PDB file of N, CA and C in Angstrom:
ATOM      1  N   UNK A   1     -13.749  10.277  -9.898  1.00  0.00           N
ATOM      2  CA  UNK A   1     -12.588  10.746  -9.153  1.00  0.00           C
ATOM      3  C   UNK A   1     -12.551  12.266  -9.236  1.00  0.00           C
ATOM      4  N   UNK A   2     -12.336  12.929  -8.127  1.00  0.00           N
ATOM      5  CA  UNK A   2     -12.318  14.377  -8.076  1.00  0.00           C
ATOM      6  C   UNK A   2     -11.057  14.945  -8.700  1.00  0.00           C
ATOM      7  N   UNK A   3     -11.160  16.214  -9.079  1.00  0.00           N
ATOM      8  CA  UNK A   3     -10.021  16.913  -9.645  1.00  0.00           C
ATOM      9  C   UNK A   3      -8.863  16.921  -8.653  1.00  0.00           C
ATOM     10  N   UNK A   4      -7.671  16.662  -9.142  1.00  0.00           N
ATOM     11  CA  UNK A   4      -6.495  16.656  -8.280  1.00  0.00           C
ATOM     12  C   UNK A   4      -6.199  15.325  -7.630  1.00  0.00           C
ATOM     13  N   UNK A   5      -7.134  14.386  -7.716  1.00  0.00           N
ATOM     14  CA  UNK A   5      -6.892  13.065  -7.138  1.00  0.00           C
ATOM     15  C   UNK A   5      -6.114  12.212  -8.130  1.00  0.00           C
ATOM     16  N   UNK A   6      -5.239  11.385  -7.599  1.00  0.00           N
ATOM     17  CA  UNK A   6      -4.474  10.455  -8.433  1.00  0.00           C
ATOM     18  C   UNK A   6      -4.728   9.035  -7.961  1.00  0.00           C
ATOM     19  N   UNK A   7      -4.708   8.111  -8.914  1.00  0.00           N
ATOM     20  CA  UNK A   7      -4.836   6.691  -8.582  1.00  0.00           C
ATOM     21  C   UNK A   7      -3.568   5.961  -8.985  1.00  0.00           C
ATOM     22  N   UNK A   8      -3.206   4.997  -8.165  1.00  0.00           N
ATOM     23  CA  UNK A   8      -2.055   4.140  -8.427  1.00  0.00           C
ATOM     24  C   UNK A   8      -2.507   2.696  -8.269  1.00  0.00           C
ATOM     25  N   UNK A   9      -2.039   1.840  -9.141  1.00  0.00           N
ATOM     26  CA  UNK A   9      -2.366   0.417  -9.102  1.00  0.00           C
ATOM     27  C   UNK A   9      -1.056  -0.349  -8.967  1.00  0.00           C
ATOM     28  N   UNK A  10      -1.029  -1.281  -8.016  1.00  0.00           N
ATOM     29  CA  UNK A  10       0.208  -2.020  -7.775  1.00  0.00           C
ATOM     30  C   UNK A  10      -0.078  -3.351  -7.085  1.00  0.00           C
ATOM     31  N   UNK A  11       0.795  -4.323  -7.316  1.00  0.00           N
ATOM     32  CA  UNK A  11       0.697  -5.588  -6.586  1.00  0.00           C
ATOM     33  C   UNK A  11       1.544  -5.503  -5.313  1.00  0.00           C
ATOM     34  N   UNK A  12       1.174  -6.264  -4.314  1.00  0.00           N
ATOM     35  CA  UNK A  12       1.990  -6.413  -3.114  1.00  0.00           C
ATOM     36  C   UNK A  12       1.996  -7.891  -2.753  1.00  0.00           C
ATOM     37  N   UNK A  13       3.182  -8.428  -2.628  1.00  0.00           N
ATOM     38  CA  UNK A  13       3.352  -9.844  -2.311  1.00  0.00           C
ATOM     39  C   UNK A  13       4.414  -9.936  -1.224  1.00  0.00           C
ATOM     40  N   UNK A  14       3.963 -10.028   0.021  1.00  0.00           N
ATOM     41  CA  UNK A  14       4.878 -10.070   1.154  1.00  0.00           C
ATOM     42  C   UNK A  14       4.380 -11.123   2.141  1.00  0.00           C
ATOM     43  N   UNK A  15       5.286 -11.940   2.630  1.00  0.00           N
ATOM     44  CA  UNK A  15       4.893 -13.004   3.560  1.00  0.00           C
ATOM     45  C   UNK A  15       4.565 -12.416   4.932  1.00  0.00           C
ATOM     46  N   UNK A  16       3.910 -13.226   5.739  1.00  0.00           N
ATOM     47  CA  UNK A  16       3.565 -12.823   7.101  1.00  0.00           C
ATOM     48  C   UNK A  16       4.823 -12.433   7.870  1.00  0.00           C
ATOM     49  N   UNK A  17       5.848 -13.280   7.807  1.00  0.00           N
ATOM     50  CA  UNK A  17       7.097 -13.019   8.530  1.00  0.00           C
ATOM     51  C   UNK A  17       7.781 -11.749   8.034  1.00  0.00           C
ATOM     52  N   UNK A  18       7.764 -11.532   6.726  1.00  0.00           N
ATOM     53  CA  UNK A  18       8.385 -10.328   6.160  1.00  0.00           C
ATOM     54  C   UNK A  18       7.645  -9.064   6.588  1.00  0.00           C
ATOM     55  N   UNK A  19       6.334  -9.162   6.805  1.00  0.00           N
ATOM     56  CA  UNK A  19       5.547  -7.981   7.154  1.00  0.00           C
ATOM     57  C   UNK A  19       5.580  -7.665   8.647  1.00  0.00           C
ATOM     58  N   UNK A  20       5.986  -8.597   9.501  1.00  0.00           N
ATOM     59  CA  UNK A  20       5.948  -8.367  10.947  1.00  0.00           C
ATOM     60  C   UNK A  20       6.652  -7.088  11.395  1.00  0.00           C
ATOM     61  N   UNK A  21       7.857  -6.766  10.899  1.00  0.00           N
ATOM     62  CA  UNK A  21       8.487  -5.500  11.321  1.00  0.00           C
ATOM     63  C   UNK A  21       7.644  -4.274  10.973  1.00  0.00           C
ATOM     64  N   UNK A  22       6.929  -4.331   9.863  1.00  0.00           N
ATOM     65  CA  UNK A  22       6.031  -3.236   9.487  1.00  0.00           C
ATOM     66  C   UNK A  22       4.838  -3.189  10.444  1.00  0.00           C
ATOM     67  N   UNK A  23       4.294  -4.351  10.750  1.00  0.00           N
ATOM     68  CA  UNK A  23       3.125  -4.449  11.621  1.00  0.00           C
ATOM     69  C   UNK A  23       3.436  -3.917  13.018  1.00  0.00           C
ATOM     70  N   UNK A  24       4.631  -4.233  13.489  1.00  0.00           N
ATOM     71  CA  UNK A  24       5.049  -3.802  14.828  1.00  0.00           C
ATOM     72  C   UNK A  24       5.445  -2.324  14.868  1.00  0.00           C
ATOM     73  N   UNK A  25       5.577  -1.692  13.719  1.00  0.00           N
ATOM     74  CA  UNK A  25       5.986  -0.294  13.682  1.00  0.00           C
ATOM     75  C   UNK A  25       7.493  -0.100  13.657  1.00  0.00           C
ATOM     76  N   UNK A  26       8.255  -1.189  13.523  1.00  0.00           N
ATOM     77  CA  UNK A  26       9.715  -1.098  13.457  1.00  0.00           C
ATOM     78  C   UNK A  26      10.162  -0.490  12.126  1.00  0.00           C
ATOM     79  N   UNK A  27       9.359  -0.715  11.088  1.00  0.00           N
ATOM     80  CA  UNK A  27       9.578  -0.132   9.768  1.00  0.00           C
ATOM     81  C   UNK A  27       8.289   0.582   9.407  1.00  0.00           C
ATOM     82  N   UNK A  28       8.394   1.830   8.964  1.00  0.00           N
ATOM     83  CA  UNK A  28       7.186   2.629   8.750  1.00  0.00           C
ATOM     84  C   UNK A  28       6.643   2.613   7.338  1.00  0.00           C
ATOM     85  N   UNK A  29       7.504   2.515   6.346  1.00  0.00           N
ATOM     86  CA  UNK A  29       7.057   2.667   4.961  1.00  0.00           C
ATOM     87  C   UNK A  29       7.235   1.376   4.167  1.00  0.00           C
ATOM     88  N   UNK A  30       6.216   1.061   3.390  1.00  0.00           N
ATOM     89  CA  UNK A  30       6.270  -0.074   2.471  1.00  0.00           C
ATOM     90  C   UNK A  30       6.576   0.504   1.096  1.00  0.00           C
ATOM     91  N   UNK A  31       7.606  -0.035   0.454  1.00  0.00           N
ATOM     92  CA  UNK A  31       7.968   0.418  -0.885  1.00  0.00           C
ATOM     93  C   UNK A  31       7.310  -0.492  -1.910  1.00  0.00           C
ATOM     94  N   UNK A  32       6.568   0.113  -2.839  1.00  0.00           N
ATOM     95  CA  UNK A  32       5.923  -0.631  -3.913  1.00  0.00           C
ATOM     96  C   UNK A  32       6.214   0.070  -5.231  1.00  0.00           C
ATOM     97  N   UNK A  33       6.049  -0.652  -6.318  1.00  0.00           N
ATOM     98  CA  UNK A  33       6.198  -0.070  -7.648  1.00  0.00           C
ATOM     99  C   UNK A  33       4.870  -0.244  -8.366  1.00  0.00           C
ATOM    100  N   UNK A  34       4.298   0.873  -8.814  1.00  0.00           N
ATOM    101  CA  UNK A  34       3.001   0.785  -9.492  1.00  0.00           C
ATOM    102  C   UNK A  34       3.178   0.263 -10.910  1.00  0.00           C
ATOM    103  N   UNK A  35       2.058   0.000 -11.576  1.00  0.00           N
ATOM    104  CA  UNK A  35       2.095  -0.619 -12.901  1.00  0.00           C
ATOM    105  C   UNK A  35       2.778   0.254 -13.946  1.00  0.00           C
ATOM    106  N   UNK A  36       2.923   1.545 -13.671  1.00  0.00           N
ATOM    107  CA  UNK A  36       3.607   2.450 -14.605  1.00  0.00           C
ATOM    108  C   UNK A  36       5.082   2.597 -14.283  1.00  0.00           C
ATOM    109  N   UNK A  37       5.554   1.866 -13.262  1.00  0.00           N
ATOM    110  CA  UNK A  37       6.975   1.885 -12.907  1.00  0.00           C
ATOM    111  C   UNK A  37       7.364   2.923 -11.878  1.00  0.00           C
ATOM    112  N   UNK A  38       6.395   3.624 -11.308  1.00  0.00           N
ATOM    113  CA  UNK A  38       6.690   4.642 -10.313  1.00  0.00           C
ATOM    114  C   UNK A  38       6.826   4.002  -8.937  1.00  0.00           C
ATOM    115  N   UNK A  39       7.894   4.355  -8.223  1.00  0.00           N
ATOM    116  CA  UNK A  39       8.111   3.848  -6.873  1.00  0.00           C
ATOM    117  C   UNK A  39       7.332   4.702  -5.885  1.00  0.00           C
ATOM    118  N   UNK A  40       6.607   4.030  -4.994  1.00  0.00           N
ATOM    119  CA  UNK A  40       5.800   4.703  -3.982  1.00  0.00           C
ATOM    120  C   UNK A  40       6.208   4.192  -2.602  1.00  0.00           C
ATOM    121  N   UNK A  41       6.186   5.065  -1.602  1.00  0.00           N
ATOM    122  CA  UNK A  41       6.429   4.680  -0.220  1.00  0.00           C
ATOM    123  C   UNK A  41       5.158   4.979   0.550  1.00  0.00           C
ATOM    124  N   UNK A  42       4.527   3.938   1.050  1.00  0.00           N
ATOM    125  CA  UNK A  42       3.218   4.052   1.691  1.00  0.00           C
ATOM    126  C   UNK A  42       3.350   3.640   3.152  1.00  0.00           C
ATOM    127  N   UNK A  43       2.743   4.412   4.034  1.00  0.00           N
ATOM    128  CA  UNK A  43       2.789   4.093   5.449  1.00  0.00           C
ATOM    129  C   UNK A  43       2.232   2.685   5.674  1.00  0.00           C
ATOM    130  N   UNK A  44       3.003   1.870   6.371  1.00  0.00           N
ATOM    131  CA  UNK A  44       2.657   0.462   6.575  1.00  0.00           C
ATOM    132  C   UNK A  44       1.350   0.271   7.322  1.00  0.00           C
ATOM    133  N   UNK A  45       0.952   1.245   8.137  1.00  0.00           N
ATOM    134  CA  UNK A  45      -0.284   1.090   8.912  1.00  0.00           C
ATOM    135  C   UNK A  45      -1.501   0.884   8.008  1.00  0.00           C
ATOM    136  N   UNK A  46      -1.428   1.400   6.793  1.00  0.00           N
ATOM    137  CA  UNK A  46      -2.562   1.263   5.875  1.00  0.00           C
ATOM    138  C   UNK A  46      -2.748  -0.168   5.372  1.00  0.00           C
ATOM    139  N   UNK A  47      -1.715  -0.994   5.504  1.00  0.00           N
ATOM    140  CA  UNK A  47      -1.784  -2.379   5.017  1.00  0.00           C
ATOM    141  C   UNK A  47      -2.132  -3.385   6.112  1.00  0.00           C
ATOM    142  N   UNK A  48      -2.115  -2.975   7.356  1.00  0.00           N
ATOM    143  CA  UNK A  48      -2.338  -3.910   8.473  1.00  0.00           C
ATOM    144  C   UNK A  48      -3.648  -4.671   8.340  1.00  0.00           C
ATOM    145  N   UNK A  49      -4.696  -4.005   7.905  1.00  0.00           N
ATOM    146  CA  UNK A  49      -6.010  -4.668   7.816  1.00  0.00           C
ATOM    147  C   UNK A  49      -6.047  -5.756   6.749  1.00  0.00           C
ATOM    148  N   UNK A  50      -5.052  -5.778   5.854  1.00  0.00           N
ATOM    149  CA  UNK A  50      -5.019  -6.776   4.786  1.00  0.00           C
ATOM    150  C   UNK A  50      -4.144  -7.989   5.139  1.00  0.00           C
ATOM    151  N   UNK A  51      -3.469  -7.945   6.286  1.00  0.00           N
ATOM    152  CA  UNK A  51      -2.553  -9.025   6.665  1.00  0.00           C
ATOM    153  C   UNK A  51      -3.318 -10.283   7.053  1.00  0.00           C
ATOM    154  N   UNK A  52      -2.931 -11.407   6.461  1.00  0.00           N
ATOM    155  CA  UNK A  52      -3.483 -12.711   6.817  1.00  0.00           C
ATOM    156  C   UNK A  52      -2.335 -13.604   7.259  1.00  0.00           C
ATOM    157  N   UNK A  53      -2.634 -14.814   7.646  1.00  0.00           N
ATOM    158  CA  UNK A  53      -1.588 -15.743   8.085  1.00  0.00           C
ATOM    159  C   UNK A  53      -0.599 -16.078   6.972  1.00  0.00           C
ATOM    160  N   UNK A  54      -0.993 -15.857   5.720  1.00  0.00           N
ATOM    161  CA  UNK A  54      -0.057 -16.103   4.615  1.00  0.00           C
ATOM    162  C   UNK A  54       0.616 -14.812   4.144  1.00  0.00           C
ATOM    163  N   UNK A  55       0.312 -13.687   4.796  1.00  0.00           N
ATOM    164  CA  UNK A  55       0.924 -12.420   4.426  1.00  0.00           C
ATOM    165  C   UNK A  55      -0.063 -11.541   3.684  1.00  0.00           C
ATOM    166  N   UNK A  56       0.477 -10.727   2.784  1.00  0.00           N
ATOM    167  CA  UNK A  56      -0.365  -9.874   1.949  1.00  0.00           C
ATOM    168  C   UNK A  56      -0.023 -10.188   0.504  1.00  0.00           C
ATOM    169  N   UNK A  57      -0.967 -10.750  -0.196  1.00  0.00           N
ATOM    170  CA  UNK A  57      -0.780 -11.104  -1.602  1.00  0.00           C
ATOM    171  C   UNK A  57      -2.003 -10.605  -2.356  1.00  0.00           C
ATOM    172  N   UNK A  58      -1.860  -9.389  -2.908  1.00  0.00           N
ATOM    173  CA  UNK A  58      -3.017  -8.779  -3.558  1.00  0.00           C
ATOM    174  C   UNK A  58      -2.570  -7.685  -4.523  1.00  0.00           C
ATOM    175  N   UNK A  59      -3.537  -7.260  -5.307  1.00  0.00           N
ATOM    176  CA  UNK A  59      -3.372  -6.145  -6.225  1.00  0.00           C
ATOM    177  C   UNK A  59      -4.187  -5.001  -5.625  1.00  0.00           C
ATOM    178  N   UNK A  60      -3.592  -3.809  -5.505  1.00  0.00           N
ATOM    179  CA  UNK A  60      -4.235  -2.695  -4.825  1.00  0.00           C
ATOM    180  C   UNK A  60      -4.472  -1.508  -5.752  1.00  0.00           C
ATOM    181  N   UNK A  61      -5.471  -0.724  -5.390  1.00  0.00           N
ATOM    182  CA  UNK A  61      -5.732   0.567  -6.022  1.00  0.00           C
ATOM    183  C   UNK A  61      -5.710   1.592  -4.894  1.00  0.00           C
ATOM    184  N   UNK A  62      -4.804   2.577  -5.011  1.00  0.00           N
ATOM    185  CA  UNK A  62      -4.688   3.619  -4.006  1.00  0.00           C
ATOM    186  C   UNK A  62      -5.055   4.961  -4.638  1.00  0.00           C
ATOM    187  N   UNK A  63      -5.860   5.732  -3.928  1.00  0.00           N
ATOM    188  CA  UNK A  63      -6.234   7.068  -4.377  1.00  0.00           C
ATOM    189  C   UNK A  63      -5.706   8.078  -3.366  1.00  0.00           C
ATOM    190  N   UNK A  64      -5.038   9.129  -3.876  1.00  0.00           N
ATOM    191  CA  UNK A  64      -4.535  10.195  -3.016  1.00  0.00           C
ATOM    192  C   UNK A  64      -5.074  11.538  -3.520  1.00  0.00           C
ATOM    193  N   UNK A  65      -5.086  12.517  -2.628  1.00  0.00           N
ATOM    194  CA  UNK A  65      -5.524  13.851  -3.029  1.00  0.00           C
ATOM    195  C   UNK A  65      -4.331  14.646  -3.559  1.00  0.00           C
ATOM    196  N   UNK A  66      -4.574  15.889  -3.929  1.00  0.00           N
ATOM    197  CA  UNK A  66      -3.543  16.730  -4.538  1.00  0.00           C
ATOM    198  C   UNK A  66      -2.364  16.984  -3.592  1.00  0.00           C
ATOM    199  N   UNK A  67      -2.590  16.869  -2.282  1.00  0.00           N
ATOM    200  CA  UNK A  67      -1.512  17.064  -1.304  1.00  0.00           C
ATOM    201  C   UNK A  67      -0.782  15.765  -0.967  1.00  0.00           C
ATOM    202  N   UNK A  68      -1.190  14.669  -1.564  1.00  0.00           N
ATOM    203  CA  UNK A  68      -0.551  13.386  -1.315  1.00  0.00           C
ATOM    204  C   UNK A  68      -1.140  12.607  -0.155  1.00  0.00           C
ATOM    205  N   UNK A  69      -2.263  13.073   0.368  1.00  0.00           N
ATOM    206  CA  UNK A  69      -2.918  12.368   1.478  1.00  0.00           C
ATOM    207  C   UNK A  69      -3.742  11.200   0.950  1.00  0.00           C
ATOM    208  N   UNK A  70      -3.682  10.089   1.671  1.00  0.00           N
ATOM    209  CA  UNK A  70      -4.420   8.900   1.275  1.00  0.00           C
ATOM    210  C   UNK A  70      -5.921   9.122   1.404  1.00  0.00           C
ATOM    211  N   UNK A  71      -6.635   8.834   0.340  1.00  0.00           N
ATOM    212  CA  UNK A  71      -8.096   8.872   0.359  1.00  0.00           C
ATOM    213  C   UNK A  71      -8.629   7.457   0.518  1.00  0.00           C
ATOM    214  N   UNK A  72      -8.085   6.525  -0.273  1.00  0.00           N
ATOM    215  CA  UNK A  72      -8.520   5.132  -0.136  1.00  0.00           C
ATOM    216  C   UNK A  72      -7.423   4.182  -0.587  1.00  0.00           C
ATOM    217  N   UNK A  73      -7.456   3.006  -0.010  1.00  0.00           N
ATOM    218  CA  UNK A  73      -6.574   1.908  -0.396  1.00  0.00           C
ATOM    219  C   UNK A  73      -7.452   0.665  -0.416  1.00  0.00           C
ATOM    220  N   UNK A  74      -7.684   0.156  -1.610  1.00  0.00           N
ATOM    221  CA  UNK A  74      -8.582  -0.974  -1.770  1.00  0.00           C
ATOM    222  C   UNK A  74      -7.889  -2.135  -2.467  1.00  0.00           C
ATOM    223  N   UNK A  75      -8.228  -3.318  -2.005  1.00  0.00           N
ATOM    224  CA  UNK A  75      -7.727  -4.547  -2.614  1.00  0.00           C
ATOM    225  C   UNK A  75      -8.615  -4.887  -3.800  1.00  0.00           C
ATOM    226  N   UNK A  76      -8.007  -5.182  -4.931  1.00  0.00           N
ATOM    227  CA  UNK A  76      -8.783  -5.574  -6.125  1.00  0.00           C
ATOM    228  C   UNK A  76      -8.849  -7.077  -6.254  1.00  0.00           C
TER     229      UNK A  76
END
């Protein structure tokens, strides 16, 4: 990991129906709490590729740069 980059680890458990407003763009930010208790607001568009018919049920690792820009969001 490069200098200035931060990683966050968090679970996301949201049903398909609950995620639809995010998918449609009606709601922009998904609120999650990482394993250290920090609340994060992540643009919902980054989660669209993980949506299945049962929703999104996974543990994620997110890496951001020093300016807070998303570098990667991976499902573990």
